[in-house]
Every structure is written in structure tokens, then in C-alpha cells.
Amino acid sequence: MAFLELRKVSKTYGTGPERTEVLKDLDLSIDEGEFVAIVGFSGSGKTTLMSLIAGLIMPDSGEVLMHGKPVTGAGPDRGVVFQSYSLLPWLTVRENVGLGLDTVHGKLPSAEREKKIRFYVEMVNLTPALDKRPSELSGGMRQRVSVARALALNPEFLLLDEPFAALDALTRGTLQVEVERIWRRDRKTVLLITNDVDEGMLMADRIIPLTPGPGATLGPSFPVHLDRPRDHTELNHDPEFRQLRNTILAYLTELRTQHREAGKATAPRAFQLPNLKPLDLRYR
């Protein structure tokens, strides 16, 4: 039995002429402890896919299964890190992480609660900022707090929805290494949503493209057989890395080309606007 399964999952938004089929007939299987990256274009439905797996929304057809049981809503077994930090600005780092801890574990003894908070904050290297509020932190530090808060739930499944997209290149690279290090230590099951092929190859065991929408579906799986830990500078000189990267990019480029050609074939027909003139209100 797979840890997570998607069986013919489809999702639409809107009704009537405004109805848009975002995802169509998605099949996916993820094993326990696996790190999988879904790579797709902007607007292809990546966040919708993440929300379906998190149980924040329900599919129109098909089913999402975890341990063979249908996902019917959000739960503490799935921790989510979004692109936006989603921190409460009036709470400190300690209090933001503690909020997630309290949601799952309820009333813990003060000493045990503090120990757990410090454990997860230290895991993302933020101990000196324990009593700072989000406004006193950089973007990268805020995202570290989001990761610590998700980890404090001790979830079975960690969902990362483009968590580094808004960060500068140096901070992004640092956090990629930190999250991959945490994964190697705890071996939780992780699903990363990204539009960056290099990021997927740096962190994941497997990369699966999401085709352009509407009606996006999942493409073939590309296994990443590169030794860990992975250093981006060294990978650039690895022939296996370059070959796999070029293969995935070529596949995505072909998908985009096909999508554009299909769009031209189904472009709406041009029509002539009526020749209207504004009323002259001076003589009314």
C-alpha cells in the first residue's frame, strides 16, 4: 500500500460558461519516507493540487488516499508550508511555533512545551530570534519560522508549496539545504511544489512534471539518483545531473510548445464591434 495515492483526481472552479477544469484525472503514488517534487508552470494548478492533498479542498471526482483511507479534510498528520509566511505578526517566534504545538498536543507542561519549541526552532537555526516578532525578521527567517511551526506538529507528511519562491537566491539556497538536511535526519514523507527544476533535483528523489492547464495532469516520473547531501555548485559539474536536467527541461519545453499550439487552434473567433456613437446630451 502506498503512503499517498491520487486516483483519477479532477478539480474544477466556477459554473456554466465560467467553469474551468484546473486538474484532470491525476494519478499519483508516493511511498513513505520519499521526497517527491512536482514541477510545473505558473497557473498550471500546483497550489490546487497541494490543497487537495492537504484536505483544504475536495476533488470533484476521484479520491485522495493516505494509508489507503480517503482524505476528508485537513489534519495534523499533514504539515503545510506555504509560499507566504502566514505568521501572526503580534506573536514572537516562540509563540508562533508554540501555537502549532498547542493545536496538536493541547496543554503540555510548561517545561516540556518550552523544550519542544526550542528543539524545532534550533532545528531551523533560529534560537537567537526566539523572542523576536515577524517584523524584526528577514524574509528567510520568517520562512524558517513557518517550517519550524509545521515541523512542531510532528506530521507524517510535510507539504511544501513553493516555500522559497519569494526569497533571494542566497537565502533560497540556504533554506533548500536546511530543509533537505532535516529530511535526511527525520525521513518524513515530503512533497515539494516548485517551478524550479534545479530546486527539485537538489532536494527530491523523484521529479514529476505537471502539464500546463487548464485540464492539467501529471507527466512521467523522473528518478533522481544523485548522492546526498547534494551541493549545487558540485552538481553543475556532474554529467548525470546535467543530462537529467536537460531531459526534464526538454520535456517541459515540448509541453509548453504543444500547449501554445493547442491554444492557437482553439483561439476565440474575432468579431466586429457595432459602430456606436455617444449621445450628445447638449440637446436633451
C-alpha atoms as a PDB file:
ATOM      1  CA  MET A   1       0.000   0.000   0.000  1.00  0.00           C
ATOM      2  CA  ALA A   2       1.358   3.433  -0.968  1.00  0.00           C
ATOM      3  CA  PHE A   3       1.691   6.139   1.673  1.00  0.00           C
ATOM      4  CA  LEU A   4      -0.305   8.550  -0.516  1.00  0.00           C
ATOM      5  CA  GLU A   5      -2.389   7.897  -3.603  1.00  0.00           C
ATOM      6  CA  LEU A   6      -4.333  10.064  -6.018  1.00  0.00           C
ATOM      7  CA  ARG A   7      -6.788   8.132  -8.168  1.00  0.00           C
ATOM      8  CA  LYS A   8      -8.268   9.932 -11.173  1.00  0.00           C
ATOM      9  CA  VAL A   9      -8.493  13.202  -9.251  1.00  0.00           C
ATOM     10  CA  SER A  10     -10.122  16.139 -11.053  1.00  0.00           C
ATOM     11  CA  LYS A  11     -10.944  19.641  -9.864  1.00  0.00           C
ATOM     12  CA  THR A  12     -12.900  22.468 -11.485  1.00  0.00           C
ATOM     13  CA  TYR A  13     -13.765  26.017 -10.444  1.00  0.00           C
ATOM     14  CA  GLY A  14     -16.765  28.105 -11.469  1.00  0.00           C
ATOM     15  CA  THR A  15     -20.040  27.148 -13.130  1.00  0.00           C
ATOM     16  CA  GLY A  16     -21.596  27.422 -16.572  1.00  0.00           C
ATOM     17  CA  PRO A  17     -19.540  29.400 -19.113  1.00  0.00           C
ATOM     18  CA  GLU A  18     -17.098  30.384 -16.332  1.00  0.00           C
ATOM     19  CA  ARG A  19     -16.346  26.753 -15.466  1.00  0.00           C
ATOM     20  CA  THR A  20     -12.619  25.933 -15.676  1.00  0.00           C
ATOM     21  CA  GLU A  21     -11.209  22.427 -15.363  1.00  0.00           C
ATOM     22  CA  VAL A  22      -7.979  23.012 -13.447  1.00  0.00           C
ATOM     23  CA  LEU A  23      -6.821  19.421 -12.872  1.00  0.00           C
ATOM     24  CA  LYS A  24      -7.924  16.334 -14.774  1.00  0.00           C
ATOM     25  CA  ASP A  25      -7.525  12.611 -13.997  1.00  0.00           C
ATOM     26  CA  LEU A  26      -4.444  12.860 -11.784  1.00  0.00           C
ATOM     27  CA  ASP A  27      -2.849   9.581 -10.713  1.00  0.00           C
ATOM     28  CA  LEU A  28      -0.034   9.674  -8.166  1.00  0.00           C
ATOM     29  CA  SER A  29       1.606   7.262  -5.743  1.00  0.00           C
ATOM     30  CA  ILE A  30       4.152   8.277  -3.080  1.00  0.00           C
ATOM     31  CA  ASP A  31       5.954   5.850  -0.772  1.00  0.00           C
ATOM     32  CA  GLU A  32       6.587   6.503   2.911  1.00  0.00           C
ATOM     33  CA  GLY A  33       9.790   8.463   3.507  1.00  0.00           C
ATOM     34  CA  GLU A  34      10.026   9.568  -0.118  1.00  0.00           C
ATOM     35  CA  PHE A  35      10.835  13.144  -1.155  1.00  0.00           C
ATOM     36  CA  VAL A  36       8.896  13.985  -4.329  1.00  0.00           C
ATOM     37  CA  ALA A  37       8.919  17.247  -6.290  1.00  0.00           C
ATOM     38  CA  ILE A  38       6.060  18.339  -8.571  1.00  0.00           C
ATOM     39  CA  VAL A  39       7.401  20.785 -11.168  1.00  0.00           C
ATOM     40  CA  GLY A  40       5.015  22.886 -13.217  1.00  0.00           C
ATOM     41  CA  PHE A  41       4.390  26.207 -14.927  1.00  0.00           C
ATOM     42  CA  SER A  42       2.707  29.156 -13.242  1.00  0.00           C
ATOM     43  CA  GLY A  43      -1.062  28.795 -13.371  1.00  0.00           C
ATOM     44  CA  SER A  44      -0.998  25.050 -14.007  1.00  0.00           C
ATOM     45  CA  GLY A  45      -2.801  24.193 -10.755  1.00  0.00           C
ATOM     46  CA  LYS A  46       0.118  23.336  -8.435  1.00  0.00           C
ATOM     47  CA  THR A  47      -1.406  25.040  -5.392  1.00  0.00           C
ATOM     48  CA  THR A  48      -4.785  23.432  -6.128  1.00  0.00           C
ATOM     49  CA  LEU A  49      -3.062  20.047  -6.132  1.00  0.00           C
ATOM     50  CA  MET A  50      -1.381  20.831  -2.796  1.00  0.00           C
ATOM     51  CA  SER A  51      -4.695  21.976  -1.295  1.00  0.00           C
ATOM     52  CA  LEU A  52      -6.374  18.732  -2.376  1.00  0.00           C
ATOM     53  CA  ILE A  53      -3.695  16.616  -0.708  1.00  0.00           C
ATOM     54  CA  ALA A  54      -3.787  18.792   2.424  1.00  0.00           C
ATOM     55  CA  GLY A  55      -7.556  18.301   2.623  1.00  0.00           C
ATOM     56  CA  LEU A  56      -8.254  22.035   2.365  1.00  0.00           C
ATOM     57  CA  ILE A  57     -10.497  21.422  -0.664  1.00  0.00           C
ATOM     58  CA  MET A  58     -12.195  18.314  -2.030  1.00  0.00           C
ATOM     59  CA  PRO A  59     -11.912  16.880  -5.560  1.00  0.00           C
ATOM     60  CA  ASP A  60     -14.896  16.960  -7.902  1.00  0.00           C
ATOM     61  CA  SER A  61     -14.141  13.366  -8.884  1.00  0.00           C
ATOM     62  CA  GLY A  62     -11.597  10.728  -7.951  1.00  0.00           C
ATOM     63  CA  GLU A  63     -10.122  10.292  -4.500  1.00  0.00           C
ATOM     64  CA  VAL A  64      -7.099  11.209  -2.397  1.00  0.00           C
ATOM     65  CA  LEU A  65      -5.952   8.374  -0.125  1.00  0.00           C
ATOM     66  CA  MET A  66      -3.466   8.380   2.745  1.00  0.00           C
ATOM     67  CA  HIS A  67      -2.594   4.963   4.177  1.00  0.00           C
ATOM     68  CA  GLY A  68      -5.420   3.658   1.995  1.00  0.00           C
ATOM     69  CA  LYS A  69      -8.053   5.863   3.673  1.00  0.00           C
ATOM     70  CA  PRO A  70      -9.817   8.788   1.955  1.00  0.00           C
ATOM     71  CA  VAL A  71      -8.658  12.281   2.888  1.00  0.00           C
ATOM     72  CA  THR A  72     -11.813  14.090   4.016  1.00  0.00           C
ATOM     73  CA  GLY A  73     -10.310  17.248   5.491  1.00  0.00           C
ATOM     74  CA  ALA A  74      -7.238  18.885   6.948  1.00  0.00           C
ATOM     75  CA  GLY A  75      -5.431  17.123   9.789  1.00  0.00           C
ATOM     76  CA  PRO A  76      -2.288  17.284  11.945  1.00  0.00           C
ATOM     77  CA  ASP A  77      -0.797  14.348  10.039  1.00  0.00           C
ATOM     78  CA  ARG A  78      -0.118  16.826   7.193  1.00  0.00           C
ATOM     79  CA  GLY A  79       2.002  19.915   7.841  1.00  0.00           C
ATOM     80  CA  VAL A  80       1.906  22.644   5.197  1.00  0.00           C
ATOM     81  CA  VAL A  81       4.467  25.376   4.479  1.00  0.00           C
ATOM     82  CA  PHE A  82       3.025  27.963   2.087  1.00  0.00           C
ATOM     83  CA  GLN A  83       4.795  30.472  -0.126  1.00  0.00           C
ATOM     84  CA  SER A  84       3.527  33.271   2.133  1.00  0.00           C
ATOM     85  CA  TYR A  85       4.833  33.111   5.684  1.00  0.00           C
ATOM     86  CA  SER A  86       1.355  33.132   7.326  1.00  0.00           C
ATOM     87  CA  LEU A  87       2.745  34.165  10.707  1.00  0.00           C
ATOM     88  CA  LEU A  88       0.756  36.050  13.320  1.00  0.00           C
ATOM     89  CA  PRO A  89       2.544  39.429  13.442  1.00  0.00           C
ATOM     90  CA  TRP A  90       1.773  40.142  17.117  1.00  0.00           C
ATOM     91  CA  LEU A  91       3.363  36.863  18.284  1.00  0.00           C
ATOM     92  CA  THR A  92       7.063  36.130  18.758  1.00  0.00           C
ATOM     93  CA  VAL A  93       8.909  33.253  17.114  1.00  0.00           C
ATOM     94  CA  ARG A  94       8.416  31.218  20.304  1.00  0.00           C
ATOM     95  CA  GLU A  95       4.681  31.966  20.334  1.00  0.00           C
ATOM     96  CA  ASN A  96       4.122  31.288  16.616  1.00  0.00           C
ATOM     97  CA  VAL A  97       5.790  27.891  16.869  1.00  0.00           C
ATOM     98  CA  GLY A  98       4.033  27.195  20.169  1.00  0.00           C
ATOM     99  CA  LEU A  99       0.675  27.899  18.536  1.00  0.00           C
ATOM    100  CA  GLY A 100       1.170  24.985  16.151  1.00  0.00           C
ATOM    101  CA  LEU A 101       2.377  22.810  19.006  1.00  0.00           C
ATOM    102  CA  ASP A 102      -0.698  23.596  21.133  1.00  0.00           C
ATOM    103  CA  THR A 103      -3.033  22.813  18.225  1.00  0.00           C
ATOM    104  CA  VAL A 104      -1.905  19.189  18.211  1.00  0.00           C
ATOM    105  CA  HIS A 105      -0.675  18.450  21.716  1.00  0.00           C
ATOM    106  CA  GLY A 106      -3.017  20.653  23.731  1.00  0.00           C
ATOM    107  CA  LYS A 107      -1.957  21.620  27.245  1.00  0.00           C
ATOM    108  CA  LEU A 108       1.589  20.416  27.758  1.00  0.00           C
ATOM    109  CA  PRO A 109       3.519  21.090  30.974  1.00  0.00           C
ATOM    110  CA  SER A 110       5.356  24.402  30.572  1.00  0.00           C
ATOM    111  CA  ALA A 111       8.841  22.879  30.732  1.00  0.00           C
ATOM    112  CA  GLU A 112       8.036  20.197  28.139  1.00  0.00           C
ATOM    113  CA  ARG A 113       6.359  22.744  25.859  1.00  0.00           C
ATOM    114  CA  GLU A 114       9.364  25.077  26.018  1.00  0.00           C
ATOM    115  CA  LYS A 115      11.719  22.188  25.321  1.00  0.00           C
ATOM    116  CA  LYS A 116       9.798  21.199  22.190  1.00  0.00           C
ATOM    117  CA  ILE A 117       9.610  24.797  20.938  1.00  0.00           C
ATOM    118  CA  ARG A 118      13.349  25.251  21.385  1.00  0.00           C
ATOM    119  CA  PHE A 119      14.002  21.922  19.685  1.00  0.00           C
ATOM    120  CA  TYR A 120      12.194  22.899  16.471  1.00  0.00           C
ATOM    121  CA  VAL A 121      13.453  26.486  16.474  1.00  0.00           C
ATOM    122  CA  GLU A 122      17.012  25.219  16.879  1.00  0.00           C
ATOM    123  CA  MET A 123      16.397  22.771  14.035  1.00  0.00           C
ATOM    124  CA  VAL A 124      15.999  25.737  11.658  1.00  0.00           C
ATOM    125  CA  ASN A 125      18.854  27.686  13.286  1.00  0.00           C
ATOM    126  CA  LEU A 126      16.727  30.477  14.793  1.00  0.00           C
ATOM    127  CA  THR A 127      17.408  30.158  18.523  1.00  0.00           C
ATOM    128  CA  PRO A 128      18.789  33.747  18.838  1.00  0.00           C
ATOM    129  CA  ALA A 129      15.472  35.068  17.426  1.00  0.00           C
ATOM    130  CA  LEU A 130      13.149  33.237  19.832  1.00  0.00           C
ATOM    131  CA  ASP A 131      11.648  36.420  21.289  1.00  0.00           C
ATOM    132  CA  LYS A 132      11.515  38.475  18.094  1.00  0.00           C
ATOM    133  CA  ARG A 133       8.338  39.259  16.172  1.00  0.00           C
ATOM    134  CA  PRO A 134       7.980  38.720  12.397  1.00  0.00           C
ATOM    135  CA  SER A 135       8.521  42.436  11.670  1.00  0.00           C
ATOM    136  CA  GLU A 136      12.004  42.099  13.187  1.00  0.00           C
ATOM    137  CA  LEU A 137      12.945  39.167  10.942  1.00  0.00           C
ATOM    138  CA  SER A 138      14.143  38.911   7.359  1.00  0.00           C
ATOM    139  CA  GLY A 139      12.079  37.050   4.755  1.00  0.00           C
ATOM    140  CA  GLY A 140      14.281  33.977   5.037  1.00  0.00           C
ATOM    141  CA  MET A 141      13.993  33.958   8.831  1.00  0.00           C
ATOM    142  CA  ARG A 142      10.196  34.232   8.628  1.00  0.00           C
ATOM    143  CA  GLN A 143      10.073  31.244   6.320  1.00  0.00           C
ATOM    144  CA  ARG A 144      12.253  29.314   8.768  1.00  0.00           C
ATOM    145  CA  VAL A 145       9.639  30.035  11.444  1.00  0.00           C
ATOM    146  CA  SER A 146       6.953  28.654   9.108  1.00  0.00           C
ATOM    147  CA  VAL A 147       8.998  25.476   8.634  1.00  0.00           C
ATOM    148  CA  ALA A 148       9.562  25.138  12.405  1.00  0.00           C
ATOM    149  CA  ARG A 149       5.841  25.618  13.066  1.00  0.00           C
ATOM    150  CA  ALA A 150       4.934  22.899  10.547  1.00  0.00           C
ATOM    151  CA  LEU A 151       7.533  20.526  11.996  1.00  0.00           C
ATOM    152  CA  ALA A 152       6.252  21.169  15.529  1.00  0.00           C
ATOM    153  CA  LEU A 153       3.059  19.367  14.532  1.00  0.00           C
ATOM    154  CA  ASN A 154       5.275  16.299  14.031  1.00  0.00           C
ATOM    155  CA  PRO A 155       3.336  15.479  10.836  1.00  0.00           C
ATOM    156  CA  GLU A 156       3.709  12.268   8.898  1.00  0.00           C
ATOM    157  CA  PHE A 157       3.598  14.223   5.641  1.00  0.00           C
ATOM    158  CA  LEU A 158       5.240  17.595   5.001  1.00  0.00           C
ATOM    159  CA  LEU A 159       3.778  19.631   2.121  1.00  0.00           C
ATOM    160  CA  LEU A 160       5.913  22.466   0.733  1.00  0.00           C
ATOM    161  CA  ASP A 161       4.025  24.827  -1.590  1.00  0.00           C
ATOM    162  CA  GLU A 162       6.760  26.855  -3.355  1.00  0.00           C
ATOM    163  CA  PRO A 163       8.102  27.864   0.070  1.00  0.00           C
ATOM    164  CA  PHE A 164      11.243  29.572  -1.254  1.00  0.00           C
ATOM    165  CA  ALA A 165       9.817  31.372  -4.299  1.00  0.00           C
ATOM    166  CA  ALA A 166       9.732  34.851  -2.722  1.00  0.00           C
ATOM    167  CA  LEU A 167      13.284  34.683  -1.345  1.00  0.00           C
ATOM    168  CA  ASP A 168      16.536  35.988  -2.792  1.00  0.00           C
ATOM    169  CA  ALA A 169      18.869  33.436  -4.395  1.00  0.00           C
ATOM    170  CA  LEU A 170      21.310  33.165  -1.477  1.00  0.00           C
ATOM    171  CA  THR A 171      18.597  32.763   1.181  1.00  0.00           C
ATOM    172  CA  ARG A 172      16.732  30.331  -1.037  1.00  0.00           C
ATOM    173  CA  GLY A 173      19.824  28.169  -1.462  1.00  0.00           C
ATOM    174  CA  THR A 174      20.473  28.141   2.287  1.00  0.00           C
ATOM    175  CA  LEU A 175      16.915  27.080   3.116  1.00  0.00           C
ATOM    176  CA  GLN A 176      16.934  24.381   0.442  1.00  0.00           C
ATOM    177  CA  VAL A 177      19.973  22.841   2.112  1.00  0.00           C
ATOM    178  CA  GLU A 178      18.423  23.185   5.600  1.00  0.00           C
ATOM    179  CA  VAL A 179      15.127  21.517   4.647  1.00  0.00           C
ATOM    180  CA  GLU A 180      16.927  18.698   2.823  1.00  0.00           C
ATOM    181  CA  ARG A 181      19.158  18.191   5.883  1.00  0.00           C
ATOM    182  CA  ILE A 182      16.096  17.958   8.162  1.00  0.00           C
ATOM    183  CA  TRP A 183      14.509  15.456   5.781  1.00  0.00           C
ATOM    184  CA  ARG A 184      17.626  13.251   5.784  1.00  0.00           C
ATOM    185  CA  ARG A 185      17.565  13.210   9.576  1.00  0.00           C
ATOM    186  CA  ASP A 186      13.851  12.503  10.137  1.00  0.00           C
ATOM    187  CA  ARG A 187      12.930  10.821   6.832  1.00  0.00           C
ATOM    188  CA  LYS A 188       9.401  12.188   6.820  1.00  0.00           C
ATOM    189  CA  THR A 189       7.472  11.929   3.583  1.00  0.00           C
ATOM    190  CA  VAL A 190       7.767  15.235   1.714  1.00  0.00           C
ATOM    191  CA  LEU A 191       6.018  16.690  -1.333  1.00  0.00           C
ATOM    192  CA  LEU A 192       7.568  19.841  -2.792  1.00  0.00           C
ATOM    193  CA  ILE A 193       5.693  22.030  -5.270  1.00  0.00           C
ATOM    194  CA  THR A 194       8.049  24.161  -7.349  1.00  0.00           C
ATOM    195  CA  ASN A 195       8.580  25.749 -10.758  1.00  0.00           C
ATOM    196  CA  ASP A 196      12.361  25.320 -10.494  1.00  0.00           C
ATOM    197  CA  VAL A 197      13.822  22.114 -11.963  1.00  0.00           C
ATOM    198  CA  ASP A 198      17.189  22.691 -10.255  1.00  0.00           C
ATOM    199  CA  GLU A 199      15.467  23.004  -6.872  1.00  0.00           C
ATOM    200  CA  GLY A 200      13.667  19.719  -7.435  1.00  0.00           C
ATOM    201  CA  MET A 201      16.879  17.944  -8.415  1.00  0.00           C
ATOM    202  CA  LEU A 202      18.758  19.370  -5.431  1.00  0.00           C
ATOM    203  CA  MET A 203      16.183  18.142  -2.917  1.00  0.00           C
ATOM    204  CA  ALA A 204      13.999  15.321  -4.252  1.00  0.00           C
ATOM    205  CA  ASP A 205      14.196  11.589  -5.001  1.00  0.00           C
ATOM    206  CA  ARG A 206      11.808  11.962  -7.894  1.00  0.00           C
ATOM    207  CA  ILE A 207      10.539  14.772 -10.131  1.00  0.00           C
ATOM    208  CA  ILE A 208       7.079  14.690 -11.728  1.00  0.00           C
ATOM    209  CA  PRO A 209       6.042  17.423 -14.187  1.00  0.00           C
ATOM    210  CA  LEU A 210       2.552  18.925 -14.083  1.00  0.00           C
ATOM    211  CA  THR A 211       1.356  19.738 -17.578  1.00  0.00           C
ATOM    212  CA  PRO A 212       0.056  23.243 -18.422  1.00  0.00           C
ATOM    213  CA  GLY A 213      -3.590  23.914 -17.594  1.00  0.00           C
ATOM    214  CA  PRO A 214      -6.462  24.051 -17.936  1.00  0.00           C
ATOM    215  CA  GLY A 215      -7.041  20.336 -17.528  1.00  0.00           C
ATOM    216  CA  ALA A 216      -3.517  19.802 -16.182  1.00  0.00           C
ATOM    217  CA  THR A 217      -2.365  16.275 -15.465  1.00  0.00           C
ATOM    218  CA  LEU A 218       0.832  14.613 -14.253  1.00  0.00           C
ATOM    219  CA  GLY A 219       3.556  13.579 -16.652  1.00  0.00           C
ATOM    220  CA  PRO A 220       6.127  10.779 -16.336  1.00  0.00           C
ATOM    221  CA  SER A 221       8.255  10.369 -13.223  1.00  0.00           C
ATOM    222  CA  PHE A 222      11.974  11.218 -13.429  1.00  0.00           C
ATOM    223  CA  PRO A 223      14.020   9.453 -10.685  1.00  0.00           C
ATOM    224  CA  VAL A 224      16.962  11.445  -9.293  1.00  0.00           C
ATOM    225  CA  HIS A 225      19.813   9.016  -8.475  1.00  0.00           C
ATOM    226  CA  LEU A 226      22.304  11.546  -7.121  1.00  0.00           C
ATOM    227  CA  ASP A 227      24.266  11.031  -3.916  1.00  0.00           C
ATOM    228  CA  ARG A 228      23.275  13.024  -0.835  1.00  0.00           C
ATOM    229  CA  PRO A 229      23.978  15.539   0.526  1.00  0.00           C
ATOM    230  CA  ARG A 230      23.909  17.488  -2.729  1.00  0.00           C
ATOM    231  CA  ASP A 231      25.874  20.649  -3.319  1.00  0.00           C
ATOM    232  CA  HIS A 232      24.536  22.862  -6.103  1.00  0.00           C
ATOM    233  CA  THR A 233      27.999  24.047  -7.181  1.00  0.00           C
ATOM    234  CA  GLU A 234      29.306  20.495  -7.469  1.00  0.00           C
ATOM    235  CA  LEU A 235      26.150  19.276  -9.215  1.00  0.00           C
ATOM    236  CA  ASN A 236      26.722  21.727 -12.054  1.00  0.00           C
ATOM    237  CA  HIS A 237      29.838  19.719 -12.948  1.00  0.00           C
ATOM    238  CA  ASP A 238      28.151  16.327 -12.640  1.00  0.00           C
ATOM    239  CA  PRO A 239      27.371  14.835 -16.089  1.00  0.00           C
ATOM    240  CA  GLU A 240      24.467  12.770 -14.695  1.00  0.00           C
ATOM    241  CA  PHE A 241      22.909  15.916 -13.216  1.00  0.00           C
ATOM    242  CA  ARG A 242      23.300  17.854 -16.472  1.00  0.00           C
ATOM    243  CA  GLN A 243      21.855  15.049 -18.570  1.00  0.00           C
ATOM    244  CA  LEU A 244      18.802  14.579 -16.348  1.00  0.00           C
ATOM    245  CA  ARG A 245      18.271  18.346 -16.075  1.00  0.00           C
ATOM    246  CA  ASN A 246      18.362  18.726 -19.866  1.00  0.00           C
ATOM    247  CA  THR A 247      15.949  15.800 -20.296  1.00  0.00           C
ATOM    248  CA  ILE A 248      13.405  17.326 -17.896  1.00  0.00           C
ATOM    249  CA  LEU A 249      13.763  20.822 -19.390  1.00  0.00           C
ATOM    250  CA  ALA A 250      13.328  19.427 -22.909  1.00  0.00           C
ATOM    251  CA  TYR A 251      10.146  17.652 -21.794  1.00  0.00           C
ATOM    252  CA  LEU A 252       8.759  20.821 -20.202  1.00  0.00           C
ATOM    253  CA  THR A 253       9.673  22.894 -23.262  1.00  0.00           C
ATOM    254  CA  GLU A 254       7.834  20.442 -25.504  1.00  0.00           C
ATOM    255  CA  LEU A 255       4.798  20.613 -23.210  1.00  0.00           C
ATOM    256  CA  ARG A 256       4.749  24.402 -23.425  1.00  0.00           C
ATOM    257  CA  THR A 257       5.070  24.332 -27.223  1.00  0.00           C
ATOM    258  CA  GLN A 258       2.185  21.866 -27.550  1.00  0.00           C
ATOM    259  CA  HIS A 259       0.100  23.975 -25.183  1.00  0.00           C
ATOM    260  CA  ARG A 260       0.683  27.135 -27.215  1.00  0.00           C
ATOM    261  CA  GLU A 261      -0.166  25.394 -30.486  1.00  0.00           C
ATOM    262  CA  ALA A 262      -3.355  23.987 -28.974  1.00  0.00           C
ATOM    263  CA  GLY A 263      -4.252  27.466 -27.734  1.00  0.00           C
ATOM    264  CA  LYS A 264      -3.870  28.927 -31.220  1.00  0.00           C
ATOM    265  CA  ALA A 265      -6.108  26.232 -32.674  1.00  0.00           C
ATOM    266  CA  THR A 266      -8.869  26.960 -30.190  1.00  0.00           C
ATOM    267  CA  ALA A 267      -8.486  30.754 -30.021  1.00  0.00           C
ATOM    268  CA  PRO A 268     -11.810  32.596 -29.879  1.00  0.00           C
ATOM    269  CA  ARG A 269     -13.086  33.894 -33.229  1.00  0.00           C
ATOM    270  CA  ALA A 270     -12.690  37.637 -33.804  1.00  0.00           C
ATOM    271  CA  PHE A 271     -15.898  39.603 -34.306  1.00  0.00           C
ATOM    272  CA  GLN A 272     -16.746  43.117 -35.413  1.00  0.00           C
ATOM    273  CA  LEU A 273     -17.859  45.587 -32.784  1.00  0.00           C
ATOM    274  CA  PRO A 274     -21.001  47.618 -33.614  1.00  0.00           C
ATOM    275  CA  ASN A 275     -20.431  51.175 -34.799  1.00  0.00           C
ATOM    276  CA  LEU A 276     -21.816  53.092 -31.812  1.00  0.00           C
ATOM    277  CA  LYS A 277     -21.671  56.820 -31.154  1.00  0.00           C
ATOM    278  CA  PRO A 278     -22.095  58.556 -27.782  1.00  0.00           C
ATOM    279  CA  LEU A 279     -25.231  60.609 -27.214  1.00  0.00           C
ATOM    280  CA  ASP A 280     -24.893  64.370 -27.469  1.00  0.00           C
ATOM    281  CA  LEU A 281     -26.516  65.487 -24.231  1.00  0.00           C
ATOM    282  CA  ARG A 282     -26.418  69.224 -25.114  1.00  0.00           C
ATOM    283  CA  TYR A 283     -29.723  68.958 -26.979  1.00  0.00           C
ATOM    284  CA  ARG A 284     -31.634  66.831 -24.491  1.00  0.00           C
END
